[in-house]
């Protein structure tokens, strides 16, 4: 199904909603229960978090956001936490432990290169300034493997399937609606993001556990892009597995990291811009194991 920018929250399952925002093309989830609402991810600034609350109130006037879930640590999913004043924020323990360091790192990157990207017109100089100045609010409740949020008449199951996009990724499953919020373990509007805190050698195995939660009818909301189905998840998992296998094979053959990066696109499932981060991070993982 399609979700357009500016629509506010669109229902994707029984009392499960998603809103898609143009800055970093990020998705925010919303789950409604008899005892309150859960927001899944909060966007990149305090102001953007307030926009989320405004969209919640347009959908459900007078309602209260009692819980927030951060699917991982990255700023475009967490810096809006500061606007969730009455909510208890849940995250994986690794995400919570990395919160301050990640915030400092992304702010250093913006300070070093404050010019907006002309290819990303929604991310203006003002937006970048807001990323620099938004107050930070780390998670309140952390867990290592699984946790459940009781909404009164339904449950949200939070699970850490293992490292992938980061070492603190979680998915949020609403079983009665057959909806799963996948965070950046899955991306539809672009290839998987292999950043400096990703785990390309482990990512596919983590997605195996996610696939085990899905039925043929499950609707999956990725961190970025349109909702997808189980077949999409399986296909992206296979591509990530190919990346892992190629990295392991090249490393075992003694191919240097620069040569592996230069091979770019030759047999790889993604373009060089994506593969470079995966190769460098994968080689770093293998070097750490040796």
C-alpha atoms as a PDB file:
ATOM      1  CA  UNK A   1       0.000   0.000   0.000  1.00  0.00           C
ATOM      2  CA  UNK A   2       1.053   3.598  -0.550  1.00  0.00           C
ATOM      3  CA  UNK A   3       1.520   6.180   2.201  1.00  0.00           C
ATOM      4  CA  UNK A   4       2.156   9.745   1.037  1.00  0.00           C
ATOM      5  CA  UNK A   5       3.918  12.594   2.808  1.00  0.00           C
ATOM      6  CA  UNK A   6       1.572  14.943   4.627  1.00  0.00           C
ATOM      7  CA  UNK A   7      -1.296  12.481   4.967  1.00  0.00           C
ATOM      8  CA  UNK A   8      -0.896  12.159   8.703  1.00  0.00           C
ATOM      9  CA  UNK A   9      -1.583   8.739  10.134  1.00  0.00           C
ATOM     10  CA  UNK A  10      -2.981   6.137   7.739  1.00  0.00           C
ATOM     11  CA  UNK A  11      -4.483   2.907   9.044  1.00  0.00           C
ATOM     12  CA  UNK A  12      -2.537  -0.208   8.032  1.00  0.00           C
ATOM     13  CA  UNK A  13      -4.299  -2.696  10.300  1.00  0.00           C
ATOM     14  CA  UNK A  14      -6.857  -2.757  13.087  1.00  0.00           C
ATOM     15  CA  UNK A  15      -6.061   0.438  15.070  1.00  0.00           C
ATOM     16  CA  UNK A  16      -2.488   0.401  13.733  1.00  0.00           C
ATOM     17  CA  UNK A  17      -1.320   3.428  11.772  1.00  0.00           C
ATOM     18  CA  UNK A  18       1.727   4.861  10.016  1.00  0.00           C
ATOM     19  CA  UNK A  19       2.667   8.438   9.096  1.00  0.00           C
ATOM     20  CA  UNK A  20       5.420   9.092   6.559  1.00  0.00           C
ATOM     21  CA  UNK A  21       7.468  12.283   6.745  1.00  0.00           C
ATOM     22  CA  UNK A  22       9.731  13.768   4.044  1.00  0.00           C
ATOM     23  CA  UNK A  23      12.756  14.566   6.227  1.00  0.00           C
ATOM     24  CA  UNK A  24      14.890  11.416   5.910  1.00  0.00           C
ATOM     25  CA  UNK A  25      11.729   9.704   4.568  1.00  0.00           C
ATOM     26  CA  UNK A  26      11.045   8.309   8.017  1.00  0.00           C
ATOM     27  CA  UNK A  27       8.007   6.376   9.186  1.00  0.00           C
ATOM     28  CA  UNK A  28       6.314   6.817  12.549  1.00  0.00           C
ATOM     29  CA  UNK A  29       3.959   4.130  13.834  1.00  0.00           C
ATOM     30  CA  UNK A  30       0.928   4.501  16.070  1.00  0.00           C
ATOM     31  CA  UNK A  31      -0.960   1.750  17.890  1.00  0.00           C
ATOM     32  CA  UNK A  32      -4.210   2.448  19.723  1.00  0.00           C
ATOM     33  CA  UNK A  33      -5.371   0.507  22.754  1.00  0.00           C
ATOM     34  CA  UNK A  34      -8.087   0.956  25.368  1.00  0.00           C
ATOM     35  CA  UNK A  35      -5.568   2.274  27.931  1.00  0.00           C
ATOM     36  CA  UNK A  36      -3.673   4.647  25.643  1.00  0.00           C
ATOM     37  CA  UNK A  37      -1.532   5.039  22.552  1.00  0.00           C
ATOM     38  CA  UNK A  38       1.937   3.884  21.560  1.00  0.00           C
ATOM     39  CA  UNK A  39       4.108   5.913  19.168  1.00  0.00           C
ATOM     40  CA  UNK A  40       6.839   3.976  17.385  1.00  0.00           C
ATOM     41  CA  UNK A  41       9.811   6.271  16.646  1.00  0.00           C
ATOM     42  CA  UNK A  42       9.697  10.035  17.057  1.00  0.00           C
ATOM     43  CA  UNK A  43      11.613  11.652  14.158  1.00  0.00           C
ATOM     44  CA  UNK A  44      14.750  13.818  14.191  1.00  0.00           C
ATOM     45  CA  UNK A  45      14.060  16.942  16.268  1.00  0.00           C
ATOM     46  CA  UNK A  46      11.907  18.119  19.146  1.00  0.00           C
ATOM     47  CA  UNK A  47       9.864  20.186  16.685  1.00  0.00           C
ATOM     48  CA  UNK A  48       9.275  17.172  14.482  1.00  0.00           C
ATOM     49  CA  UNK A  49       8.208  15.231  17.560  1.00  0.00           C
ATOM     50  CA  UNK A  50       5.604  17.926  18.267  1.00  0.00           C
ATOM     51  CA  UNK A  51       4.346  17.526  14.713  1.00  0.00           C
ATOM     52  CA  UNK A  52       3.882  13.827  15.435  1.00  0.00           C
ATOM     53  CA  UNK A  53       1.817  14.666  18.515  1.00  0.00           C
ATOM     54  CA  UNK A  54      -0.263  17.104  16.444  1.00  0.00           C
ATOM     55  CA  UNK A  55      -0.925  14.363  13.880  1.00  0.00           C
ATOM     56  CA  UNK A  56      -1.886  11.970  16.688  1.00  0.00           C
ATOM     57  CA  UNK A  57      -4.394  14.484  18.041  1.00  0.00           C
ATOM     58  CA  UNK A  58      -5.867  15.084  14.594  1.00  0.00           C
ATOM     59  CA  UNK A  59      -6.542  11.379  14.357  1.00  0.00           C
ATOM     60  CA  UNK A  60      -7.636  10.924  17.957  1.00  0.00           C
ATOM     61  CA  UNK A  61      -8.537  14.230  19.675  1.00  0.00           C
ATOM     62  CA  UNK A  62      -7.915  14.274  23.408  1.00  0.00           C
ATOM     63  CA  UNK A  63      -5.962  11.028  23.368  1.00  0.00           C
ATOM     64  CA  UNK A  64      -2.795  10.443  25.361  1.00  0.00           C
ATOM     65  CA  UNK A  65       0.478   8.967  24.115  1.00  0.00           C
ATOM     66  CA  UNK A  66       1.450   6.816  27.087  1.00  0.00           C
ATOM     67  CA  UNK A  67       4.291   4.833  25.520  1.00  0.00           C
ATOM     68  CA  UNK A  68       7.004   5.344  22.923  1.00  0.00           C
ATOM     69  CA  UNK A  69       9.137   2.692  21.247  1.00  0.00           C
ATOM     70  CA  UNK A  70      12.525   3.582  19.724  1.00  0.00           C
ATOM     71  CA  UNK A  71      13.317   0.890  17.153  1.00  0.00           C
ATOM     72  CA  UNK A  72      17.021   1.787  17.340  1.00  0.00           C
ATOM     73  CA  UNK A  73      19.317   4.609  18.418  1.00  0.00           C
ATOM     74  CA  UNK A  74      19.624   6.737  15.281  1.00  0.00           C
ATOM     75  CA  UNK A  75      18.722  10.390  15.593  1.00  0.00           C
ATOM     76  CA  UNK A  76      16.062  10.414  12.861  1.00  0.00           C
ATOM     77  CA  UNK A  77      14.076   7.986  15.023  1.00  0.00           C
ATOM     78  CA  UNK A  78      14.844   9.305  18.515  1.00  0.00           C
ATOM     79  CA  UNK A  79      15.485  13.050  18.785  1.00  0.00           C
ATOM     80  CA  UNK A  80      11.721  13.684  18.833  1.00  0.00           C
ATOM     81  CA  UNK A  81      11.628  11.874  22.199  1.00  0.00           C
ATOM     82  CA  UNK A  82      11.929  15.224  23.936  1.00  0.00           C
ATOM     83  CA  UNK A  83       8.386  16.112  22.852  1.00  0.00           C
ATOM     84  CA  UNK A  84       6.851  12.945  24.318  1.00  0.00           C
ATOM     85  CA  UNK A  85       6.598  14.447  27.798  1.00  0.00           C
ATOM     86  CA  UNK A  86       3.969  12.106  29.236  1.00  0.00           C
ATOM     87  CA  UNK A  87       5.214   8.887  27.644  1.00  0.00           C
ATOM     88  CA  UNK A  88       7.440   6.086  28.889  1.00  0.00           C
ATOM     89  CA  UNK A  89      10.091   5.395  26.250  1.00  0.00           C
ATOM     90  CA  UNK A  90      11.130   1.799  25.543  1.00  0.00           C
ATOM     91  CA  UNK A  91      14.288   0.693  23.691  1.00  0.00           C
ATOM     92  CA  UNK A  92      16.863  -2.052  23.579  1.00  0.00           C
ATOM     93  CA  UNK A  93      19.624  -1.727  26.149  1.00  0.00           C
ATOM     94  CA  UNK A  94      22.291  -1.313  23.461  1.00  0.00           C
ATOM     95  CA  UNK A  95      20.368   1.575  21.923  1.00  0.00           C
ATOM     96  CA  UNK A  96      20.093   3.253  25.301  1.00  0.00           C
ATOM     97  CA  UNK A  97      23.796   2.739  26.013  1.00  0.00           C
ATOM     98  CA  UNK A  98      24.748   4.317  22.673  1.00  0.00           C
ATOM     99  CA  UNK A  99      22.289   7.209  22.855  1.00  0.00           C
ATOM    100  CA  UNK A 100      24.600   9.973  24.059  1.00  0.00           C
ATOM    101  CA  UNK A 101      27.555   8.892  21.927  1.00  0.00           C
ATOM    102  CA  UNK A 102      25.425   8.677  18.784  1.00  0.00           C
ATOM    103  CA  UNK A 103      23.895  12.101  19.437  1.00  0.00           C
ATOM    104  CA  UNK A 104      27.333  13.643  19.855  1.00  0.00           C
ATOM    105  CA  UNK A 105      28.589  11.937  16.708  1.00  0.00           C
ATOM    106  CA  UNK A 106      25.748  13.060  14.447  1.00  0.00           C
ATOM    107  CA  UNK A 107      26.079  16.603  15.764  1.00  0.00           C
ATOM    108  CA  UNK A 108      29.810  16.578  15.049  1.00  0.00           C
ATOM    109  CA  UNK A 109      29.048  15.486  11.495  1.00  0.00           C
ATOM    110  CA  UNK A 110      26.585  18.339  10.992  1.00  0.00           C
ATOM    111  CA  UNK A 111      28.977  20.865  12.534  1.00  0.00           C
ATOM    112  CA  UNK A 112      31.706  19.691  10.163  1.00  0.00           C
ATOM    113  CA  UNK A 113      29.429  19.934   7.100  1.00  0.00           C
ATOM    114  CA  UNK A 114      26.435  22.187   7.848  1.00  0.00           C
ATOM    115  CA  UNK A 115      25.432  22.817   4.220  1.00  0.00           C
ATOM    116  CA  UNK A 116      22.104  21.211   3.240  1.00  0.00           C
ATOM    117  CA  UNK A 117      22.166  18.552   0.532  1.00  0.00           C
ATOM    118  CA  UNK A 118      20.425  19.965  -2.586  1.00  0.00           C
ATOM    119  CA  UNK A 119      19.228  16.428  -3.331  1.00  0.00           C
ATOM    120  CA  UNK A 120      17.319  16.425  -0.023  1.00  0.00           C
ATOM    121  CA  UNK A 121      15.228  19.616  -0.182  1.00  0.00           C
ATOM    122  CA  UNK A 122      13.156  18.707   2.873  1.00  0.00           C
ATOM    123  CA  UNK A 123      16.282  18.759   5.042  1.00  0.00           C
ATOM    124  CA  UNK A 124      16.867  22.492   5.225  1.00  0.00           C
ATOM    125  CA  UNK A 125      19.437  24.490   7.172  1.00  0.00           C
ATOM    126  CA  UNK A 126      16.765  25.097   9.803  1.00  0.00           C
ATOM    127  CA  UNK A 127      16.137  21.366  10.142  1.00  0.00           C
ATOM    128  CA  UNK A 128      19.849  20.706  10.611  1.00  0.00           C
ATOM    129  CA  UNK A 129      20.033  23.479  13.200  1.00  0.00           C
ATOM    130  CA  UNK A 130      17.148  21.841  15.057  1.00  0.00           C
ATOM    131  CA  UNK A 131      19.029  18.539  15.079  1.00  0.00           C
ATOM    132  CA  UNK A 132      21.939  20.369  16.704  1.00  0.00           C
ATOM    133  CA  UNK A 133      19.847  22.115  19.355  1.00  0.00           C
ATOM    134  CA  UNK A 134      17.008  19.742  20.240  1.00  0.00           C
ATOM    135  CA  UNK A 135      17.103  18.580  23.850  1.00  0.00           C
ATOM    136  CA  UNK A 136      17.825  14.895  24.239  1.00  0.00           C
ATOM    137  CA  UNK A 137      15.687  12.395  26.087  1.00  0.00           C
ATOM    138  CA  UNK A 138      17.083   8.873  26.349  1.00  0.00           C
ATOM    139  CA  UNK A 139      14.869   5.805  26.856  1.00  0.00           C
ATOM    140  CA  UNK A 140      13.286   5.151  30.240  1.00  0.00           C
ATOM    141  CA  UNK A 141      12.769   1.384  30.027  1.00  0.00           C
ATOM    142  CA  UNK A 142      15.310  -0.948  28.426  1.00  0.00           C
ATOM    143  CA  UNK A 143      15.428  -4.674  27.806  1.00  0.00           C
ATOM    144  CA  UNK A 144      17.799  -7.249  26.305  1.00  0.00           C
ATOM    145  CA  UNK A 145      15.615  -9.711  24.431  1.00  0.00           C
ATOM    146  CA  UNK A 146      11.824  -9.352  24.619  1.00  0.00           C
ATOM    147  CA  UNK A 147       9.326  -7.095  26.353  1.00  0.00           C
ATOM    148  CA  UNK A 148       5.568  -6.582  26.187  1.00  0.00           C
ATOM    149  CA  UNK A 149       3.546  -3.377  26.456  1.00  0.00           C
ATOM    150  CA  UNK A 150      -0.023  -3.927  27.715  1.00  0.00           C
ATOM    151  CA  UNK A 151      -2.433  -1.445  26.128  1.00  0.00           C
ATOM    152  CA  UNK A 152      -5.423  -2.764  28.051  1.00  0.00           C
ATOM    153  CA  UNK A 153      -7.224  -4.666  25.327  1.00  0.00           C
ATOM    154  CA  UNK A 154      -4.173  -5.688  23.284  1.00  0.00           C
ATOM    155  CA  UNK A 155      -0.434  -6.238  23.568  1.00  0.00           C
ATOM    156  CA  UNK A 156       2.588  -4.986  21.658  1.00  0.00           C
ATOM    157  CA  UNK A 157       5.459  -7.455  21.628  1.00  0.00           C
ATOM    158  CA  UNK A 158       8.940  -5.955  21.374  1.00  0.00           C
ATOM    159  CA  UNK A 159      11.760  -8.241  20.252  1.00  0.00           C
ATOM    160  CA  UNK A 160      15.476  -7.821  19.634  1.00  0.00           C
ATOM    161  CA  UNK A 161      16.237 -10.357  16.876  1.00  0.00           C
ATOM    162  CA  UNK A 162      19.971  -9.665  16.931  1.00  0.00           C
ATOM    163  CA  UNK A 163      22.398  -7.172  15.392  1.00  0.00           C
ATOM    164  CA  UNK A 164      21.794  -5.796  11.920  1.00  0.00           C
ATOM    165  CA  UNK A 165      21.368  -2.130  11.075  1.00  0.00           C
ATOM    166  CA  UNK A 166      22.716  -1.536  14.622  1.00  0.00           C
ATOM    167  CA  UNK A 167      23.264  -3.755  17.646  1.00  0.00           C
ATOM    168  CA  UNK A 168      20.116  -2.363  19.283  1.00  0.00           C
ATOM    169  CA  UNK A 169      17.433  -2.984  16.651  1.00  0.00           C
ATOM    170  CA  UNK A 170      13.983  -4.069  17.771  1.00  0.00           C
ATOM    171  CA  UNK A 171      10.752  -4.911  16.001  1.00  0.00           C
ATOM    172  CA  UNK A 172       7.287  -4.216  17.411  1.00  0.00           C
ATOM    173  CA  UNK A 173       4.587  -6.798  16.669  1.00  0.00           C
ATOM    174  CA  UNK A 174       0.854  -6.294  17.075  1.00  0.00           C
ATOM    175  CA  UNK A 175      -0.307  -9.884  16.771  1.00  0.00           C
ATOM    176  CA  UNK A 176      -4.057  -9.300  16.812  1.00  0.00           C
ATOM    177  CA  UNK A 177      -3.746  -6.959  13.810  1.00  0.00           C
ATOM    178  CA  UNK A 178      -0.985  -8.983  12.086  1.00  0.00           C
ATOM    179  CA  UNK A 179       1.136  -5.831  11.771  1.00  0.00           C
ATOM    180  CA  UNK A 180       4.858  -5.553  12.454  1.00  0.00           C
ATOM    181  CA  UNK A 181       6.924  -2.367  12.728  1.00  0.00           C
ATOM    182  CA  UNK A 182      10.426  -3.263  11.585  1.00  0.00           C
ATOM    183  CA  UNK A 183      12.493  -0.112  12.055  1.00  0.00           C
ATOM    184  CA  UNK A 184      15.607   0.094   9.892  1.00  0.00           C
ATOM    185  CA  UNK A 185      16.172  -3.641   9.842  1.00  0.00           C
ATOM    186  CA  UNK A 186      14.074  -3.147   6.707  1.00  0.00           C
ATOM    187  CA  UNK A 187      13.986  -0.286   4.205  1.00  0.00           C
ATOM    188  CA  UNK A 188      11.730   0.035   1.175  1.00  0.00           C
ATOM    189  CA  UNK A 189      12.590   3.460  -0.238  1.00  0.00           C
ATOM    190  CA  UNK A 190      16.274   2.622  -0.615  1.00  0.00           C
ATOM    191  CA  UNK A 191      18.769  -0.172  -0.012  1.00  0.00           C
ATOM    192  CA  UNK A 192      19.688  -1.290   3.507  1.00  0.00           C
ATOM    193  CA  UNK A 193      21.884   1.244   5.271  1.00  0.00           C
ATOM    194  CA  UNK A 194      25.260  -0.257   6.211  1.00  0.00           C
ATOM    195  CA  UNK A 195      26.623   2.421   8.523  1.00  0.00           C
ATOM    196  CA  UNK A 196      29.644   2.377  10.785  1.00  0.00           C
ATOM    197  CA  UNK A 197      27.549   0.795  13.548  1.00  0.00           C
ATOM    198  CA  UNK A 198      25.958  -1.882  11.353  1.00  0.00           C
ATOM    199  CA  UNK A 199      26.564  -5.642  11.416  1.00  0.00           C
ATOM    200  CA  UNK A 200      26.420  -6.839   7.801  1.00  0.00           C
ATOM    201  CA  UNK A 201      27.652 -10.332   8.689  1.00  0.00           C
ATOM    202  CA  UNK A 202      24.844 -10.897  11.221  1.00  0.00           C
ATOM    203  CA  UNK A 203      21.978  -8.966   9.650  1.00  0.00           C
ATOM    204  CA  UNK A 204      20.513 -11.816   7.576  1.00  0.00           C
ATOM    205  CA  UNK A 205      20.371 -14.149  10.582  1.00  0.00           C
ATOM    206  CA  UNK A 206      18.505 -11.488  12.539  1.00  0.00           C
ATOM    207  CA  UNK A 207      16.017 -11.154   9.683  1.00  0.00           C
ATOM    208  CA  UNK A 208      15.514 -14.929   9.774  1.00  0.00           C
ATOM    209  CA  UNK A 209      13.990 -14.465  13.221  1.00  0.00           C
ATOM    210  CA  UNK A 210      11.829 -11.622  11.941  1.00  0.00           C
ATOM    211  CA  UNK A 211      10.566 -13.750   9.051  1.00  0.00           C
ATOM    212  CA  UNK A 212       9.540 -16.350  11.617  1.00  0.00           C
ATOM    213  CA  UNK A 213       7.113 -13.811  13.113  1.00  0.00           C
ATOM    214  CA  UNK A 214       5.347 -13.180   9.804  1.00  0.00           C
ATOM    215  CA  UNK A 215       2.421 -14.766   8.016  1.00  0.00           C
ATOM    216  CA  UNK A 216       1.522 -14.422   4.358  1.00  0.00           C
ATOM    217  CA  UNK A 217      -0.896 -11.676   5.418  1.00  0.00           C
ATOM    218  CA  UNK A 218       1.373  -9.687   7.744  1.00  0.00           C
ATOM    219  CA  UNK A 219       1.794  -6.027   6.874  1.00  0.00           C
ATOM    220  CA  UNK A 220       5.295  -4.816   7.713  1.00  0.00           C
ATOM    221  CA  UNK A 221       6.109  -1.128   8.232  1.00  0.00           C
ATOM    222  CA  UNK A 222       9.796  -0.488   7.462  1.00  0.00           C
ATOM    223  CA  UNK A 223      11.782   2.361   8.958  1.00  0.00           C
ATOM    224  CA  UNK A 224      11.723   4.173   5.619  1.00  0.00           C
ATOM    225  CA  UNK A 225       9.381   3.771   2.674  1.00  0.00           C
ATOM    226  CA  UNK A 226       6.063   2.096   1.949  1.00  0.00           C
ATOM    227  CA  UNK A 227       4.666  -0.860   3.920  1.00  0.00           C
ATOM    228  CA  UNK A 228       5.738  -4.249   2.583  1.00  0.00           C
ATOM    229  CA  UNK A 229       4.833  -7.922   2.817  1.00  0.00           C
ATOM    230  CA  UNK A 230       6.627 -11.099   3.848  1.00  0.00           C
ATOM    231  CA  UNK A 231       7.940 -11.716   0.315  1.00  0.00           C
ATOM    232  CA  UNK A 232       9.707  -8.339   0.365  1.00  0.00           C
ATOM    233  CA  UNK A 233      11.335  -9.153   3.718  1.00  0.00           C
ATOM    234  CA  UNK A 234      12.522 -12.530   2.442  1.00  0.00           C
ATOM    235  CA  UNK A 235      13.952 -10.948  -0.711  1.00  0.00           C
ATOM    236  CA  UNK A 236      15.826  -8.232   1.200  1.00  0.00           C
ATOM    237  CA  UNK A 237      17.091 -10.827   3.647  1.00  0.00           C
ATOM    238  CA  UNK A 238      18.483 -12.868   0.718  1.00  0.00           C
ATOM    239  CA  UNK A 239      20.275  -9.805  -0.695  1.00  0.00           C
ATOM    240  CA  UNK A 240      21.833  -9.026   2.680  1.00  0.00           C
ATOM    241  CA  UNK A 241      22.922 -12.667   2.992  1.00  0.00           C
ATOM    242  CA  UNK A 242      24.581 -12.387  -0.430  1.00  0.00           C
ATOM    243  CA  UNK A 243      26.494  -9.332   0.797  1.00  0.00           C
ATOM    244  CA  UNK A 244      27.643 -11.203   3.891  1.00  0.00           C
ATOM    245  CA  UNK A 245      28.728 -14.263   1.904  1.00  0.00           C
ATOM    246  CA  UNK A 246      30.672 -12.169  -0.623  1.00  0.00           C
ATOM    247  CA  UNK A 247      32.443 -10.247   2.141  1.00  0.00           C
ATOM    248  CA  UNK A 248      33.396 -13.466   3.919  1.00  0.00           C
ATOM    249  CA  UNK A 249      34.564 -15.045   0.674  1.00  0.00           C
ATOM    250  CA  UNK A 250      36.732 -12.114  -0.401  1.00  0.00           C
ATOM    251  CA  UNK A 251      38.240 -11.797   3.063  1.00  0.00           C
ATOM    252  CA  UNK A 252      39.027 -15.528   3.157  1.00  0.00           C
ATOM    253  CA  UNK A 253      40.767 -15.236  -0.233  1.00  0.00           C
ATOM    254  CA  UNK A 254      43.003 -12.497   1.127  1.00  0.00           C
ATOM    255  CA  UNK A 255      41.446  -9.768  -0.996  1.00  0.00           C
ATOM    256  CA  UNK A 256      42.158  -6.401   0.622  1.00  0.00           C
ATOM    257  CA  UNK A 257      39.339  -4.166   1.732  1.00  0.00           C
ATOM    258  CA  UNK A 258      40.117  -1.462  -0.842  1.00  0.00           C
ATOM    259  CA  UNK A 259      40.158  -4.018  -3.650  1.00  0.00           C
ATOM    260  CA  UNK A 260      36.887  -5.483  -2.391  1.00  0.00           C
ATOM    261  CA  UNK A 261      35.310  -2.023  -2.318  1.00  0.00           C
ATOM    262  CA  UNK A 262      36.629  -1.283  -5.814  1.00  0.00           C
ATOM    263  CA  UNK A 263      34.926  -4.425  -7.095  1.00  0.00           C
ATOM    264  CA  UNK A 264      31.770  -2.404  -6.388  1.00  0.00           C
ATOM    265  CA  UNK A 265      28.679  -3.824  -8.296  1.00  0.00           C
ATOM    266  CA  UNK A 266      30.503  -6.822  -9.753  1.00  0.00           C
ATOM    267  CA  UNK A 267      28.369  -9.610  -8.370  1.00  0.00           C
ATOM    268  CA  UNK A 268      27.038  -7.467  -5.519  1.00  0.00           C
ATOM    269  CA  UNK A 269      23.257  -7.039  -5.091  1.00  0.00           C
ATOM    270  CA  UNK A 270      23.550  -3.293  -4.400  1.00  0.00           C
ATOM    271  CA  UNK A 271      25.323  -0.338  -5.954  1.00  0.00           C
ATOM    272  CA  UNK A 272      28.820   0.658  -4.866  1.00  0.00           C
ATOM    273  CA  UNK A 273      27.603   3.518  -2.652  1.00  0.00           C
ATOM    274  CA  UNK A 274      25.785   0.954  -0.515  1.00  0.00           C
ATOM    275  CA  UNK A 275      28.356  -1.811  -0.775  1.00  0.00           C
ATOM    276  CA  UNK A 276      31.304   0.325   0.335  1.00  0.00           C
ATOM    277  CA  UNK A 277      29.901   0.765   3.837  1.00  0.00           C
ATOM    278  CA  UNK A 278      28.993  -2.915   4.056  1.00  0.00           C
ATOM    279  CA  UNK A 279      32.439  -4.084   2.969  1.00  0.00           C
ATOM    280  CA  UNK A 280      34.337  -1.766   5.288  1.00  0.00           C
ATOM    281  CA  UNK A 281      32.163  -2.657   8.247  1.00  0.00           C
ATOM    282  CA  UNK A 282      32.204  -6.381   7.414  1.00  0.00           C
ATOM    283  CA  UNK A 283      35.985  -6.426   7.121  1.00  0.00           C
ATOM    284  CA  UNK A 284      36.207  -4.606  10.463  1.00  0.00           C
ATOM    285  CA  UNK A 285      34.010  -7.315  12.011  1.00  0.00           C
ATOM    286  CA  UNK A 286      36.165 -10.090  10.572  1.00  0.00           C
ATOM    287  CA  UNK A 287      39.370  -8.381  11.671  1.00  0.00           C
ATOM    288  CA  UNK A 288      37.960  -8.157  15.167  1.00  0.00           C
ATOM    289  CA  UNK A 289      37.282 -11.896  15.153  1.00  0.00           C
ATOM    290  CA  UNK A 290      40.736 -12.878  13.904  1.00  0.00           C
END
